[in-house]
Amino acid sequence: MTTTFPDISINTDRLVLRPYDDADIPAFTEMMNDELITAWTSVPHPYTRSDAEEWVRRIAPAERTEGRGIVFAVTEFLTQRLVGTVHLRNTDWRTLATEVGYVTAPWARGEGYATESVLAVAQWLFRDRGFERLELRTAADNTASQQVAQKIGCISEGVLRNAWIARTQTESGDWTDIRTDLIVWSLLPEDLEGVADQMAEAGYSSFTDWS
């Protein structure tokens, strides 16, 4: 049984999803210090260049080579600018199920890049790799992430109560932990039927190729 994803890139009309490399380290460091990413993820804060180097050189590649998932740097096709990350993780090779996480750089929000990139990964996962389930978990108040899940056709399955620690900024500018619920979403192969057409009608780019 295959227990690792291939080392690939995925292309849409506007985006290239590829492995991280050292050239991404400055932009990745800046992206991960964004306030919304600090609030909704568990990344270190402040996020240092050393943290980025560890991610790019060791952690992200090991996700694939050790069979846990795969990490994609999301870049603009025309400019090669880093605009986000899509991360498949907690992969179960027996049930052909995995979980997806994603972040978007503050300089790229409002362009539909998260929706486009996650949909492209889902199409590749189901059509090329034969997977049967993609799961997302979004903090209860993270409406932007929930909108991505809804746009790609995910179904809300329920709530994991008090299951996540988010962060909020105090008046002094410090960050403090807060408990929050997680909404569980799932996407199955049949849920993708018609989603790409709906996105095209809404002005989003379509999935094109992987290699």
C-alpha atoms as a PDB file:
ATOM      1  CA  MET A   1       0.000   0.000   0.000  1.00  0.00           C
ATOM      2  CA  THR A   2       1.238   3.494  -0.862  1.00  0.00           C
ATOM      3  CA  THR A   3       1.835   5.476   2.310  1.00  0.00           C
ATOM      4  CA  THR A   4       3.332   8.715   0.980  1.00  0.00           C
ATOM      5  CA  PHE A   5       2.171  11.382  -1.426  1.00  0.00           C
ATOM      6  CA  PRO A   6       4.277  12.041  -4.544  1.00  0.00           C
ATOM      7  CA  ASP A   7       6.507  15.089  -4.796  1.00  0.00           C
ATOM      8  CA  ILE A   8       4.329  17.144  -7.146  1.00  0.00           C
ATOM      9  CA  SER A   9       3.108  20.583  -8.153  1.00  0.00           C
ATOM     10  CA  ILE A  10      -0.508  21.523  -8.890  1.00  0.00           C
ATOM     11  CA  ASN A  11      -1.440  24.320 -11.293  1.00  0.00           C
ATOM     12  CA  THR A  12      -4.586  26.364 -11.732  1.00  0.00           C
ATOM     13  CA  ASP A  13      -5.064  29.273 -14.126  1.00  0.00           C
ATOM     14  CA  ARG A  14      -3.792  31.710 -11.488  1.00  0.00           C
ATOM     15  CA  LEU A  15      -1.799  29.638  -9.012  1.00  0.00           C
ATOM     16  CA  VAL A  16       1.049  27.172  -8.679  1.00  0.00           C
ATOM     17  CA  LEU A  17       1.038  24.897  -5.625  1.00  0.00           C
ATOM     18  CA  ARG A  18       4.521  23.484  -5.072  1.00  0.00           C
ATOM     19  CA  PRO A  19       6.975  22.424  -2.351  1.00  0.00           C
ATOM     20  CA  TYR A  20       8.562  25.168  -0.269  1.00  0.00           C
ATOM     21  CA  ASP A  21      12.157  26.203  -0.925  1.00  0.00           C
ATOM     22  CA  ASP A  22      14.657  28.537   0.723  1.00  0.00           C
ATOM     23  CA  ALA A  23      13.625  31.474  -1.452  1.00  0.00           C
ATOM     24  CA  ASP A  24      10.232  31.450   0.301  1.00  0.00           C
ATOM     25  CA  ILE A  25      11.672  31.973   3.785  1.00  0.00           C
ATOM     26  CA  PRO A  26      11.427  35.819   3.977  1.00  0.00           C
ATOM     27  CA  ALA A  27       7.846  35.947   2.664  1.00  0.00           C
ATOM     28  CA  PHE A  28       6.816  32.956   4.775  1.00  0.00           C
ATOM     29  CA  THR A  29       8.194  34.617   7.910  1.00  0.00           C
ATOM     30  CA  GLU A  30       6.225  37.776   7.158  1.00  0.00           C
ATOM     31  CA  MET A  31       3.049  35.848   6.358  1.00  0.00           C
ATOM     32  CA  MET A  32       3.111  33.825   9.567  1.00  0.00           C
ATOM     33  CA  ASN A  33       3.392  36.974  11.706  1.00  0.00           C
ATOM     34  CA  ASP A  34       0.026  38.212  10.426  1.00  0.00           C
ATOM     35  CA  GLU A  35      -2.486  38.902  13.209  1.00  0.00           C
ATOM     36  CA  LEU A  36      -5.204  36.620  11.831  1.00  0.00           C
ATOM     37  CA  ILE A  37      -2.788  33.711  11.449  1.00  0.00           C
ATOM     38  CA  THR A  38      -1.542  34.296  14.989  1.00  0.00           C
ATOM     39  CA  ALA A  39      -5.137  34.341  16.257  1.00  0.00           C
ATOM     40  CA  TRP A  40      -6.417  31.167  14.597  1.00  0.00           C
ATOM     41  CA  THR A  41      -3.385  28.874  14.423  1.00  0.00           C
ATOM     42  CA  SER A  42      -0.917  27.428  16.914  1.00  0.00           C
ATOM     43  CA  VAL A  43       2.220  28.811  15.234  1.00  0.00           C
ATOM     44  CA  PRO A  44       4.867  30.454  17.435  1.00  0.00           C
ATOM     45  CA  HIS A  45       4.513  34.197  18.019  1.00  0.00           C
ATOM     46  CA  PRO A  46       6.491  36.130  17.101  1.00  0.00           C
ATOM     47  CA  TYR A  47       7.335  33.891  14.160  1.00  0.00           C
ATOM     48  CA  THR A  48      11.070  34.158  13.520  1.00  0.00           C
ATOM     49  CA  ARG A  49      13.237  33.497  10.496  1.00  0.00           C
ATOM     50  CA  SER A  50      14.601  30.505  12.387  1.00  0.00           C
ATOM     51  CA  ASP A  51      11.035  29.139  12.700  1.00  0.00           C
ATOM     52  CA  ALA A  52      10.557  29.585   8.951  1.00  0.00           C
ATOM     53  CA  GLU A  53      13.827  27.863   8.141  1.00  0.00           C
ATOM     54  CA  GLU A  54      12.835  24.897  10.315  1.00  0.00           C
ATOM     55  CA  TRP A  55       9.476  24.685   8.531  1.00  0.00           C
ATOM     56  CA  VAL A  56      10.825  24.993   4.992  1.00  0.00           C
ATOM     57  CA  ARG A  57      13.882  22.775   5.399  1.00  0.00           C
ATOM     58  CA  ARG A  58      12.699  20.067   7.821  1.00  0.00           C
ATOM     59  CA  ILE A  59       9.063  20.068   8.980  1.00  0.00           C
ATOM     60  CA  ALA A  60       7.252  20.557   5.653  1.00  0.00           C
ATOM     61  CA  PRO A  61       9.327  18.006   3.680  1.00  0.00           C
ATOM     62  CA  ALA A  62       9.005  15.467   6.514  1.00  0.00           C
ATOM     63  CA  GLU A  63       5.209  15.639   6.362  1.00  0.00           C
ATOM     64  CA  ARG A  64       5.418  13.988   2.936  1.00  0.00           C
ATOM     65  CA  THR A  65       8.412  11.693   3.339  1.00  0.00           C
ATOM     66  CA  GLU A  66       7.165  10.318   6.671  1.00  0.00           C
ATOM     67  CA  GLY A  67       3.654   9.722   5.335  1.00  0.00           C
ATOM     68  CA  ARG A  68       1.663  12.184   7.409  1.00  0.00           C
ATOM     69  CA  GLY A  69       0.533  14.378   4.513  1.00  0.00           C
ATOM     70  CA  ILE A  70       1.908  16.994   2.134  1.00  0.00           C
ATOM     71  CA  VAL A  71       2.557  20.753   2.281  1.00  0.00           C
ATOM     72  CA  PHE A  72       2.078  23.115  -0.662  1.00  0.00           C
ATOM     73  CA  ALA A  73       3.381  26.647  -0.986  1.00  0.00           C
ATOM     74  CA  VAL A  74       0.657  28.546  -2.872  1.00  0.00           C
ATOM     75  CA  THR A  75       2.137  31.046  -5.312  1.00  0.00           C
ATOM     76  CA  GLU A  76       0.799  33.334  -8.024  1.00  0.00           C
ATOM     77  CA  PHE A  77       1.449  31.961 -11.498  1.00  0.00           C
ATOM     78  CA  LEU A  78       2.469  35.297 -13.012  1.00  0.00           C
ATOM     79  CA  THR A  79       4.542  36.791 -10.168  1.00  0.00           C
ATOM     80  CA  GLN A  80       5.648  33.662  -8.248  1.00  0.00           C
ATOM     81  CA  ARG A  81       4.709  35.602  -5.099  1.00  0.00           C
ATOM     82  CA  LEU A  82       3.863  33.470  -2.054  1.00  0.00           C
ATOM     83  CA  VAL A  83       0.171  33.908  -1.241  1.00  0.00           C
ATOM     84  CA  GLY A  84      -0.589  31.053   1.154  1.00  0.00           C
ATOM     85  CA  THR A  85      -0.214  27.459   2.263  1.00  0.00           C
ATOM     86  CA  VAL A  86      -2.310  24.315   1.882  1.00  0.00           C
ATOM     87  CA  HIS A  87      -1.384  21.469   4.230  1.00  0.00           C
ATOM     88  CA  LEU A  88      -2.747  17.913   4.156  1.00  0.00           C
ATOM     89  CA  ARG A  89      -2.117  16.245   7.517  1.00  0.00           C
ATOM     90  CA  ASN A  90      -3.157  13.375   9.815  1.00  0.00           C
ATOM     91  CA  THR A  91      -3.509  11.140   6.754  1.00  0.00           C
ATOM     92  CA  ASP A  92      -5.063   7.695   7.250  1.00  0.00           C
ATOM     93  CA  TRP A  93      -3.852   5.508   4.418  1.00  0.00           C
ATOM     94  CA  ARG A  94      -6.182   2.629   5.267  1.00  0.00           C
ATOM     95  CA  THR A  95      -9.376   4.678   5.089  1.00  0.00           C
ATOM     96  CA  LEU A  96      -7.977   7.074   2.446  1.00  0.00           C
ATOM     97  CA  ALA A  97      -8.877  10.106   4.515  1.00  0.00           C
ATOM     98  CA  THR A  98      -6.916  13.217   5.398  1.00  0.00           C
ATOM     99  CA  GLU A  99      -7.361  16.644   6.969  1.00  0.00           C
ATOM    100  CA  VAL A 100      -6.655  19.953   5.249  1.00  0.00           C
ATOM    101  CA  GLY A 101      -5.477  23.219   6.747  1.00  0.00           C
ATOM    102  CA  TYR A 102      -4.814  26.476   4.929  1.00  0.00           C
ATOM    103  CA  VAL A 103      -3.698  30.046   5.493  1.00  0.00           C
ATOM    104  CA  THR A 104      -3.672  33.051   3.179  1.00  0.00           C
ATOM    105  CA  ALA A 105      -1.127  35.854   3.268  1.00  0.00           C
ATOM    106  CA  PRO A 106      -2.566  39.242   4.270  1.00  0.00           C
ATOM    107  CA  TRP A 107      -1.398  40.764   0.971  1.00  0.00           C
ATOM    108  CA  ALA A 108      -3.425  38.210  -1.018  1.00  0.00           C
ATOM    109  CA  ARG A 109      -6.790  38.140   0.745  1.00  0.00           C
ATOM    110  CA  GLY A 110      -9.990  38.871  -1.122  1.00  0.00           C
ATOM    111  CA  GLU A 111      -8.805  37.185  -4.334  1.00  0.00           C
ATOM    112  CA  GLY A 112     -10.357  33.762  -3.731  1.00  0.00           C
ATOM    113  CA  TYR A 113      -6.943  32.100  -3.536  1.00  0.00           C
ATOM    114  CA  ALA A 114      -7.750  29.913  -0.518  1.00  0.00           C
ATOM    115  CA  THR A 115     -10.891  28.547  -2.175  1.00  0.00           C
ATOM    116  CA  GLU A 116      -9.122  27.981  -5.478  1.00  0.00           C
ATOM    117  CA  SER A 117      -6.094  26.247  -3.974  1.00  0.00           C
ATOM    118  CA  VAL A 118      -8.008  23.989  -1.574  1.00  0.00           C
ATOM    119  CA  LEU A 119     -10.407  22.967  -4.347  1.00  0.00           C
ATOM    120  CA  ALA A 120      -7.477  22.131  -6.631  1.00  0.00           C
ATOM    121  CA  VAL A 121      -5.907  19.955  -3.929  1.00  0.00           C
ATOM    122  CA  ALA A 122      -9.251  18.235  -3.278  1.00  0.00           C
ATOM    123  CA  GLN A 123      -9.688  17.452  -6.983  1.00  0.00           C
ATOM    124  CA  TRP A 124      -6.181  16.004  -7.181  1.00  0.00           C
ATOM    125  CA  LEU A 125      -6.695  14.047  -3.972  1.00  0.00           C
ATOM    126  CA  PHE A 126      -9.932  12.415  -5.133  1.00  0.00           C
ATOM    127  CA  ARG A 127      -9.283  11.998  -8.856  1.00  0.00           C
ATOM    128  CA  ASP A 128      -5.598  11.117  -8.911  1.00  0.00           C
ATOM    129  CA  ARG A 129      -4.953   9.573  -5.487  1.00  0.00           C
ATOM    130  CA  GLY A 130      -8.292   7.816  -4.980  1.00  0.00           C
ATOM    131  CA  PHE A 131      -9.035   9.346  -1.582  1.00  0.00           C
ATOM    132  CA  GLU A 132     -12.533   9.084  -0.099  1.00  0.00           C
ATOM    133  CA  ARG A 133     -12.685  11.826   2.531  1.00  0.00           C
ATOM    134  CA  LEU A 134     -11.215  15.270   3.171  1.00  0.00           C
ATOM    135  CA  GLU A 135     -11.824  16.829   6.585  1.00  0.00           C
ATOM    136  CA  LEU A 136     -11.573  20.443   7.727  1.00  0.00           C
ATOM    137  CA  ARG A 137     -11.805  21.885  11.210  1.00  0.00           C
ATOM    138  CA  THR A 138     -12.519  25.575  11.685  1.00  0.00           C
ATOM    139  CA  ALA A 139     -12.678  27.596  14.871  1.00  0.00           C
ATOM    140  CA  ALA A 140     -16.226  28.647  15.678  1.00  0.00           C
ATOM    141  CA  ASP A 141     -15.593  32.352  15.086  1.00  0.00           C
ATOM    142  CA  ASN A 142     -13.297  31.971  12.066  1.00  0.00           C
ATOM    143  CA  THR A 143     -15.936  32.878   9.497  1.00  0.00           C
ATOM    144  CA  ALA A 144     -13.437  33.396   6.657  1.00  0.00           C
ATOM    145  CA  SER A 145     -12.228  29.807   6.924  1.00  0.00           C
ATOM    146  CA  GLN A 146     -15.803  28.552   7.148  1.00  0.00           C
ATOM    147  CA  GLN A 147     -16.673  30.388   3.937  1.00  0.00           C
ATOM    148  CA  VAL A 148     -13.868  28.556   2.135  1.00  0.00           C
ATOM    149  CA  ALA A 149     -15.267  25.232   3.343  1.00  0.00           C
ATOM    150  CA  GLN A 150     -18.757  26.145   2.140  1.00  0.00           C
ATOM    151  CA  LYS A 151     -17.594  27.378  -1.266  1.00  0.00           C
ATOM    152  CA  ILE A 152     -15.813  24.128  -2.130  1.00  0.00           C
ATOM    153  CA  GLY A 153     -18.876  22.072  -1.193  1.00  0.00           C
ATOM    154  CA  CYS A 154     -18.028  20.851   2.302  1.00  0.00           C
ATOM    155  CA  ILE A 155     -20.752  19.562   4.613  1.00  0.00           C
ATOM    156  CA  SER A 156     -20.801  20.605   8.268  1.00  0.00           C
ATOM    157  CA  GLU A 157     -20.854  17.473  10.429  1.00  0.00           C
ATOM    158  CA  GLY A 158     -20.954  18.897  13.940  1.00  0.00           C
ATOM    159  CA  VAL A 159     -19.073  20.685  16.679  1.00  0.00           C
ATOM    160  CA  LEU A 160     -16.164  19.610  18.847  1.00  0.00           C
ATOM    161  CA  ARG A 161     -16.875  21.600  21.991  1.00  0.00           C
ATOM    162  CA  ASN A 162     -14.058  23.512  23.668  1.00  0.00           C
ATOM    163  CA  ALA A 163     -11.568  21.626  21.475  1.00  0.00           C
ATOM    164  CA  TRP A 164      -9.174  24.362  20.320  1.00  0.00           C
ATOM    165  CA  ILE A 165      -7.048  27.124  21.775  1.00  0.00           C
ATOM    166  CA  ALA A 166      -7.169  30.329  19.750  1.00  0.00           C
ATOM    167  CA  ARG A 167      -5.518  33.611  20.673  1.00  0.00           C
ATOM    168  CA  THR A 168      -6.832  37.127  21.148  1.00  0.00           C
ATOM    169  CA  GLN A 169      -4.964  40.387  21.467  1.00  0.00           C
ATOM    170  CA  THR A 170      -5.354  42.422  24.638  1.00  0.00           C
ATOM    171  CA  GLU A 171      -5.496  46.208  24.885  1.00  0.00           C
ATOM    172  CA  SER A 172      -1.795  46.217  25.746  1.00  0.00           C
ATOM    173  CA  GLY A 173      -0.989  44.404  22.499  1.00  0.00           C
ATOM    174  CA  ASP A 174      -0.134  41.091  24.139  1.00  0.00           C
ATOM    175  CA  TRP A 175      -1.678  37.809  23.022  1.00  0.00           C
ATOM    176  CA  THR A 176      -3.642  35.569  25.351  1.00  0.00           C
ATOM    177  CA  ASP A 177      -5.079  32.078  24.834  1.00  0.00           C
ATOM    178  CA  ILE A 178      -8.846  31.488  24.657  1.00  0.00           C
ATOM    179  CA  ARG A 179     -10.782  28.218  24.407  1.00  0.00           C
ATOM    180  CA  THR A 180     -13.106  27.770  21.435  1.00  0.00           C
ATOM    181  CA  ASP A 181     -15.228  25.168  19.672  1.00  0.00           C
ATOM    182  CA  LEU A 182     -14.225  23.555  16.395  1.00  0.00           C
ATOM    183  CA  ILE A 183     -16.678  23.013  13.542  1.00  0.00           C
ATOM    184  CA  VAL A 184     -15.983  19.774  11.662  1.00  0.00           C
ATOM    185  CA  TRP A 185     -16.505  19.784   7.888  1.00  0.00           C
ATOM    186  CA  SER A 186     -16.091  16.993   5.371  1.00  0.00           C
ATOM    187  CA  LEU A 187     -15.775  16.725   1.617  1.00  0.00           C
ATOM    188  CA  LEU A 188     -16.383  13.484  -0.296  1.00  0.00           C
ATOM    189  CA  PRO A 189     -15.737  12.864  -4.001  1.00  0.00           C
ATOM    190  CA  GLU A 190     -19.434  13.200  -4.882  1.00  0.00           C
ATOM    191  CA  ASP A 191     -19.611  16.574  -3.119  1.00  0.00           C
ATOM    192  CA  LEU A 192     -17.372  18.078  -5.823  1.00  0.00           C
ATOM    193  CA  GLU A 193     -19.917  17.511  -8.589  1.00  0.00           C
ATOM    194  CA  GLY A 194     -20.809  20.883 -10.038  1.00  0.00           C
ATOM    195  CA  VAL A 195     -18.604  22.857  -7.632  1.00  0.00           C
ATOM    196  CA  ALA A 196     -15.987  23.747 -10.264  1.00  0.00           C
ATOM    197  CA  ASP A 197     -18.715  24.967 -12.647  1.00  0.00           C
ATOM    198  CA  GLN A 198     -20.266  27.093  -9.909  1.00  0.00           C
ATOM    199  CA  MET A 199     -16.901  28.646  -9.112  1.00  0.00           C
ATOM    200  CA  ALA A 200     -16.220  29.392 -12.772  1.00  0.00           C
ATOM    201  CA  GLU A 201     -19.581  31.163 -13.004  1.00  0.00           C
ATOM    202  CA  ALA A 202     -18.618  33.182  -9.925  1.00  0.00           C
ATOM    203  CA  GLY A 203     -15.363  34.253 -11.572  1.00  0.00           C
ATOM    204  CA  TYR A 204     -12.898  31.875  -9.926  1.00  0.00           C
ATOM    205  CA  SER A 205     -10.221  30.135 -11.926  1.00  0.00           C
ATOM    206  CA  SER A 206     -10.596  26.437 -12.598  1.00  0.00           C
ATOM    207  CA  PHE A 207      -8.327  23.540 -11.794  1.00  0.00           C
ATOM    208  CA  THR A 208      -6.064  22.625 -14.694  1.00  0.00           C
ATOM    209  CA  ASP A 209      -3.126  20.288 -14.132  1.00  0.00           C
ATOM    210  CA  TRP A 210      -0.785  18.516 -11.766  1.00  0.00           C
ATOM    211  CA  SER A 211       2.700  17.169 -12.394  1.00  0.00           C
END
